[in-house]
Amino acid sequence: MRFGGLLAVAGVSFEAARGAITSLIGPNGAGKTTVFNCVTGFYRPTGGAVLLQAPEVAGGAPVALHRLAGHRIVRAGVARTFQNIRLFSGMTALENLLVAQHNALMAATGWGIGAVLGLVRYPRAEAAAIDRARAWLAATNLLERADDPAGALPYGAQRRLEIARAMCTDPLLLCLDEPAAGLNPRESDQLAALLLRIRSGEAPNGAPCSILLIEHDMGVVMRISDRVVVLDHGRKIADGTPAAVRADPKVIAAYLGEEEADEDAPAEAGVAGSGVAGAASGPGGTA
């Protein structure tokens, strides 16, 4: 992905397997959100391809996401959340989840005509949408807050509601941009448990769902990820299991910096390189 003279992401290639959690990590400015924006249609890549292997779509042929408009990417089975919460704060928690099912409801109404005429198909679709919304509210421990405005919910609850809203679109691939940001340890543990349930299909989705995760909380990343991809300055520097990535010298150098010899200092003295993140931001710590 190029922005004028800046090559923000260069030759990054990886796979997010079906029914697995793939985490995309790296120092600030490494290109993680740019990759997300290419996958979810906010950017159109200037080169390369983004392919979704979707057995339920197009007869099983890979869907070229990089050629689709953003709204069609959602219909192909990709959903996302954002670094900054983007709920409809004036709507209730339940209404936020019903909005996510807008396309299905509109199709059931014949794009409005059926609802006006009171045809049977619309009430059935509406009841099914409410049932799905209530199931996801229960799965995210928000059922008792169903009628509360989303903006009145605690921060951690709003994070969970965003994930529930994305899952109400029944995605094949769920893209989460720093979902643990701002959460306390207890809320982070609840989030990790929820994502593991979504991955396995134990949550109301009923089928395994691929999760692509950007996260700085290395405790969450290393605990739940099946695969970890590491970016630095727009390039992939590591790709493997959490244990392998944690021990990779290139990853440690990217997070902590490398020692460089000071030509003017005594040979036994070294100066620490300018690390991108502090020691607490490396694998095993929390940024």
Protein backbone atom coordinates (compact mmCIF):
# COMPACT_ATOMS: atom_id res chain seq x y z
CA MET A 1 0.00 0.00 0.00
CA ARG A 2 1.55 3.28 -1.16
CA PHE A 3 0.59 6.80 -0.11
CA GLY A 4 2.31 9.11 -2.55
CA GLY A 5 6.01 8.55 -1.99
CA LEU A 6 5.50 6.51 1.18
CA LEU A 7 5.40 2.73 0.89
CA ALA A 8 3.39 1.96 4.04
CA VAL A 9 3.11 -1.81 3.51
CA ALA A 10 5.60 -3.66 1.32
CA GLY A 11 5.29 -7.28 0.21
CA VAL A 12 3.38 -8.47 3.28
CA SER A 13 1.96 -11.96 2.72
CA PHE A 14 0.32 -14.23 5.30
CA GLU A 15 -2.68 -16.51 5.84
CA ALA A 16 -5.42 -16.31 8.45
CA ALA A 17 -6.71 -19.88 8.68
CA ARG A 18 -10.38 -20.80 9.00
CA GLY A 19 -11.37 -21.31 12.61
CA ALA A 20 -8.12 -19.83 13.93
CA ILE A 21 -7.01 -16.64 15.66
CA THR A 22 -4.26 -14.86 13.74
CA SER A 23 -2.71 -11.87 15.50
CA LEU A 24 -0.99 -9.02 13.71
CA ILE A 25 1.48 -7.29 16.00
CA GLY A 26 4.32 -4.80 15.74
CA PRO A 27 5.51 -1.45 17.05
CA ASN A 28 3.44 1.68 16.49
CA GLY A 29 3.60 2.72 12.84
CA ALA A 30 4.45 -0.80 11.64
CA GLY A 31 1.54 -0.86 9.16
CA LYS A 32 -0.93 -3.06 11.03
CA THR A 33 -4.00 -0.86 10.66
CA THR A 34 -3.09 -0.17 7.02
CA VAL A 35 -3.21 -3.92 6.37
CA PHE A 36 -6.57 -4.08 8.14
CA ASN A 37 -7.92 -1.23 6.03
CA CYS A 38 -6.83 -3.08 2.86
CA VAL A 39 -8.55 -6.29 4.00
CA THR A 40 -11.79 -4.56 4.99
CA GLY A 41 -12.13 -2.22 2.01
CA PHE A 42 -11.27 1.15 3.52
CA TYR A 43 -8.17 1.21 1.30
CA ARG A 44 -7.75 -0.33 -2.13
CA PRO A 45 -4.25 -1.86 -2.23
CA THR A 46 -1.89 -0.36 -4.82
CA GLY A 47 -0.48 -3.82 -5.43
CA GLY A 48 -1.02 -7.46 -4.54
CA ALA A 49 -4.24 -9.24 -3.65
CA VAL A 50 -6.49 -9.96 -0.67
CA LEU A 51 -8.33 -13.26 -1.13
CA LEU A 52 -11.07 -14.77 1.02
CA GLN A 53 -11.53 -18.52 0.69
CA ALA A 54 -15.26 -18.73 1.25
CA PRO A 55 -16.87 -22.14 0.60
CA GLU A 56 -20.33 -20.60 1.08
CA VAL A 57 -19.73 -17.85 -1.49
CA ALA A 58 -19.25 -17.99 -5.29
CA GLY A 59 -19.22 -21.77 -5.40
CA GLY A 60 -16.17 -22.00 -3.16
CA ALA A 61 -13.90 -19.92 -5.40
CA PRO A 62 -11.67 -17.37 -3.60
CA VAL A 63 -13.26 -13.92 -3.38
CA ALA A 64 -10.95 -11.10 -4.47
CA LEU A 65 -11.67 -8.62 -1.67
CA HIS A 66 -9.27 -6.05 -3.11
CA ARG A 67 -11.58 -5.65 -6.12
CA LEU A 68 -14.81 -5.18 -4.15
CA ALA A 69 -16.43 -2.05 -2.82
CA GLY A 70 -16.52 -1.80 0.98
CA HIS A 71 -20.19 -2.70 1.37
CA ARG A 72 -19.71 -5.78 -0.81
CA ILE A 73 -16.80 -6.91 1.36
CA VAL A 74 -19.22 -7.03 4.29
CA ARG A 75 -21.63 -9.14 2.24
CA ALA A 76 -18.75 -11.46 1.29
CA GLY A 77 -18.36 -12.28 4.99
CA VAL A 78 -15.88 -9.81 6.53
CA ALA A 79 -16.70 -7.75 9.63
CA ARG A 80 -14.52 -5.46 11.77
CA THR A 81 -14.28 -3.28 14.83
CA PHE A 82 -12.14 -0.17 15.23
CA GLN A 83 -9.53 1.23 17.61
CA ASN A 84 -12.05 3.90 18.63
CA ILE A 85 -15.49 2.61 19.54
CA ARG A 86 -18.06 3.36 16.84
CA LEU A 87 -21.38 2.38 18.32
CA PHE A 88 -24.63 4.28 17.78
CA SER A 89 -24.50 5.77 21.26
CA GLY A 90 -28.10 7.07 21.27
CA MET A 91 -29.54 3.68 20.33
CA THR A 92 -30.02 0.88 22.83
CA ALA A 93 -27.69 -2.09 22.93
CA LEU A 94 -30.41 -4.22 21.30
CA GLU A 95 -31.01 -1.67 18.54
CA ASN A 96 -27.29 -1.59 17.71
CA LEU A 97 -27.41 -5.32 17.03
CA LEU A 98 -30.57 -5.01 14.95
CA VAL A 99 -28.94 -2.34 12.78
CA ALA A 100 -26.19 -4.85 12.00
CA GLN A 101 -28.87 -7.11 10.51
CA HIS A 102 -30.31 -4.37 8.33
CA ASN A 103 -29.55 -6.09 5.01
CA ALA A 104 -31.30 -9.31 6.00
CA LEU A 105 -34.32 -7.44 7.36
CA MET A 106 -34.64 -5.26 4.27
CA ALA A 107 -34.45 -8.29 1.98
CA ALA A 108 -37.21 -9.94 4.01
CA THR A 109 -39.45 -6.92 3.52
CA GLY A 110 -38.99 -6.80 -0.22
CA TRP A 111 -36.99 -3.63 0.45
CA GLY A 112 -39.77 -1.99 2.44
CA ILE A 113 -42.87 -3.04 0.59
CA GLY A 114 -43.51 -6.14 2.69
CA ALA A 115 -43.31 -4.21 5.96
CA VAL A 116 -45.82 -1.64 4.75
CA LEU A 117 -48.24 -4.33 3.60
CA GLY A 118 -47.81 -6.38 6.77
CA LEU A 119 -46.72 -9.50 4.95
CA VAL A 120 -45.93 -12.54 7.11
CA ARG A 121 -42.31 -12.82 6.04
CA TYR A 122 -41.26 -9.58 7.71
CA PRO A 123 -42.50 -10.34 11.25
CA ARG A 124 -40.70 -13.68 11.08
CA ALA A 125 -37.47 -12.01 9.97
CA GLU A 126 -37.82 -9.36 12.66
CA ALA A 127 -38.38 -11.99 15.36
CA ALA A 128 -35.35 -13.95 14.15
CA ALA A 129 -33.20 -10.78 14.20
CA ILE A 130 -34.30 -10.01 17.77
CA ASP A 131 -33.54 -13.59 18.82
CA ARG A 132 -30.08 -13.38 17.29
CA ALA A 133 -29.43 -10.03 18.95
CA ARG A 134 -30.56 -11.34 22.33
CA ALA A 135 -28.34 -14.41 21.94
CA TRP A 136 -25.29 -12.22 21.34
CA LEU A 137 -26.21 -9.93 24.22
CA ALA A 138 -26.32 -13.01 26.44
CA ALA A 139 -23.00 -14.26 25.06
CA THR A 140 -21.36 -10.94 25.91
CA ASN A 141 -23.02 -10.63 29.36
CA LEU A 142 -25.10 -7.65 28.22
CA LEU A 143 -28.61 -9.06 28.15
CA GLU A 144 -29.64 -7.13 31.26
CA ARG A 145 -28.50 -3.91 29.54
CA ALA A 146 -30.40 -4.59 26.30
CA ASP A 147 -32.60 -1.51 26.65
CA ASP A 148 -29.88 0.85 27.89
CA PRO A 149 -28.37 3.39 25.49
CA ALA A 150 -25.07 2.07 24.15
CA GLY A 151 -23.37 5.30 25.14
CA ALA A 152 -24.35 4.73 28.79
CA LEU A 153 -22.60 1.37 29.02
CA PRO A 154 -19.19 1.02 30.73
CA TYR A 155 -16.20 1.11 28.39
CA GLY A 156 -15.54 -2.63 28.55
CA ALA A 157 -19.19 -3.39 27.86
CA GLN A 158 -19.10 -1.12 24.80
CA ARG A 159 -16.11 -3.07 23.50
CA ARG A 160 -18.02 -6.34 23.85
CA LEU A 161 -21.12 -4.81 22.25
CA GLU A 162 -19.05 -3.82 19.20
CA ILE A 163 -17.89 -7.40 18.80
CA ALA A 164 -21.47 -8.66 19.20
CA ARG A 165 -22.65 -6.20 16.56
CA ALA A 166 -19.96 -7.39 14.12
CA MET A 167 -20.90 -11.03 14.77
CA CYS A 168 -24.56 -10.30 14.02
CA THR A 169 -23.51 -9.98 10.37
CA ASP A 170 -22.54 -13.69 10.51
CA PRO A 171 -18.98 -13.15 9.22
CA LEU A 172 -16.49 -15.71 7.96
CA LEU A 173 -13.65 -13.39 9.01
CA LEU A 174 -13.83 -11.12 12.07
CA CYS A 175 -11.22 -8.33 12.11
CA LEU A 176 -10.63 -6.75 15.53
CA ASP A 177 -8.47 -3.62 15.85
CA GLU A 178 -7.08 -3.44 19.41
CA PRO A 179 -10.18 -4.78 21.20
CA ALA A 180 -8.34 -4.97 24.55
CA ALA A 181 -7.27 -1.32 24.48
CA GLY A 182 -8.31 0.39 27.71
CA LEU A 183 -9.54 -2.79 29.40
CA ASN A 184 -8.53 -3.81 32.90
CA PRO A 185 -7.09 -7.32 33.53
CA ARG A 186 -10.49 -8.83 34.39
CA GLU A 187 -12.08 -7.38 31.26
CA SER A 188 -9.14 -8.58 29.14
CA ASP A 189 -9.67 -12.11 30.47
CA GLN A 190 -13.38 -11.91 29.60
CA LEU A 191 -12.49 -10.71 26.10
CA ALA A 192 -10.01 -13.54 25.59
CA ALA A 193 -12.62 -16.10 26.65
CA LEU A 194 -15.19 -14.59 24.28
CA LEU A 195 -12.81 -14.69 21.31
CA LEU A 196 -11.93 -18.32 21.98
CA ARG A 197 -15.65 -19.16 21.99
CA ILE A 198 -16.19 -17.29 18.72
CA ARG A 199 -13.22 -19.08 17.14
CA SER A 200 -14.51 -22.51 18.09
CA GLY A 201 -18.13 -21.82 17.18
CA GLU A 202 -19.35 -22.26 20.77
CA ALA A 203 -20.77 -18.72 20.75
CA PRO A 204 -24.12 -18.07 18.97
CA ASN A 205 -22.38 -18.00 15.56
CA GLY A 206 -22.60 -21.80 15.69
CA ALA A 207 -19.66 -22.37 13.32
CA PRO A 208 -15.92 -21.70 13.61
CA CYS A 209 -15.01 -18.16 12.64
CA SER A 210 -11.61 -16.87 11.56
CA ILE A 211 -10.34 -13.98 13.67
CA LEU A 212 -7.71 -11.49 12.52
CA LEU A 213 -6.55 -9.50 15.52
CA ILE A 214 -4.43 -6.37 15.98
CA GLU A 215 -3.45 -6.10 19.63
CA HIS A 216 -0.76 -4.53 21.82
CA ASP A 217 -1.70 -6.56 24.91
CA MET A 218 0.85 -9.34 24.52
CA GLY A 219 -0.72 -11.29 27.39
CA VAL A 220 -3.91 -11.65 25.34
CA VAL A 221 -2.05 -12.25 22.07
CA MET A 222 0.22 -15.00 23.36
CA ARG A 223 -2.59 -16.69 25.29
CA ILE A 224 -5.21 -17.05 22.55
CA SER A 225 -3.43 -16.83 19.16
CA ASP A 226 -2.92 -19.81 16.90
CA ARG A 227 -0.54 -17.80 14.73
CA VAL A 228 1.25 -14.48 15.13
CA VAL A 229 2.43 -12.25 12.27
CA VAL A 230 4.88 -9.47 13.13
CA LEU A 231 5.29 -6.29 11.09
CA ASP A 232 8.00 -3.64 11.36
CA HIS A 233 8.24 -0.57 9.12
CA GLY A 234 5.62 -2.05 6.78
CA ARG A 235 7.36 -5.39 6.27
CA LYS A 236 6.78 -8.83 7.73
CA ILE A 237 9.64 -9.89 9.97
CA ALA A 238 8.14 -13.00 11.59
CA ASP A 239 5.26 -15.43 11.15
CA GLY A 240 4.67 -18.45 13.34
CA THR A 241 3.35 -19.84 16.59
CA PRO A 242 3.30 -17.56 19.64
CA ALA A 243 6.22 -19.45 21.21
CA ALA A 244 8.35 -19.18 18.06
CA VAL A 245 7.59 -15.49 17.58
CA ARG A 246 8.28 -14.68 21.23
CA ALA A 247 11.81 -16.09 20.87
CA ASP A 248 12.57 -14.63 17.41
CA PRO A 249 15.61 -12.28 17.59
CA LYS A 250 14.14 -10.02 14.88
CA VAL A 251 10.98 -9.54 16.92
CA ILE A 252 12.92 -8.80 20.09
CA ALA A 253 15.05 -6.28 18.20
CA ALA A 254 12.00 -4.57 16.68
CA TYR A 255 10.39 -4.10 20.07
CA LEU A 256 13.42 -3.45 22.26
CA GLY A 257 16.06 -2.03 19.89
CA GLU A 258 19.52 -3.43 19.32
CA GLU A 259 22.80 -2.50 20.92
CA GLU A 260 25.15 -0.52 18.75
CA ALA A 261 28.83 0.10 19.41
CA ASP A 262 29.81 3.70 20.20
CA GLU A 263 32.98 4.44 18.24
CA ASP A 264 33.91 7.21 20.68
CA ALA A 265 33.34 5.10 23.78
CA PRO A 266 35.57 2.40 25.27
CA ALA A 267 35.20 -0.96 23.61
CA GLU A 268 33.51 -2.51 26.63
CA ALA A 269 30.82 0.17 26.71
CA GLY A 270 27.73 -0.06 24.51
CA VAL A 271 24.76 2.20 23.94
CA ALA A 272 21.25 0.94 23.56
CA GLY A 273 19.69 1.44 20.14
CA SER A 274 16.60 3.57 19.85
CA GLY A 275 13.90 0.95 20.42
CA VAL A 276 10.44 1.51 18.99
CA ALA A 277 8.76 0.43 22.20
CA GLY A 278 9.80 -0.03 25.81
CA ALA A 279 10.62 -3.34 27.43
CA ALA A 280 7.06 -3.69 28.68
CA SER A 281 5.81 -3.56 25.09
CA GLY A 282 7.65 -6.70 23.93
CA PRO A 283 6.22 -10.20 23.69
CA GLY A 284 5.15 -11.22 27.15
CA GLY A 285 4.44 -7.66 28.26
CA THR A 286 1.64 -5.21 27.73
CA ALA A 287 1.91 -2.09 25.57
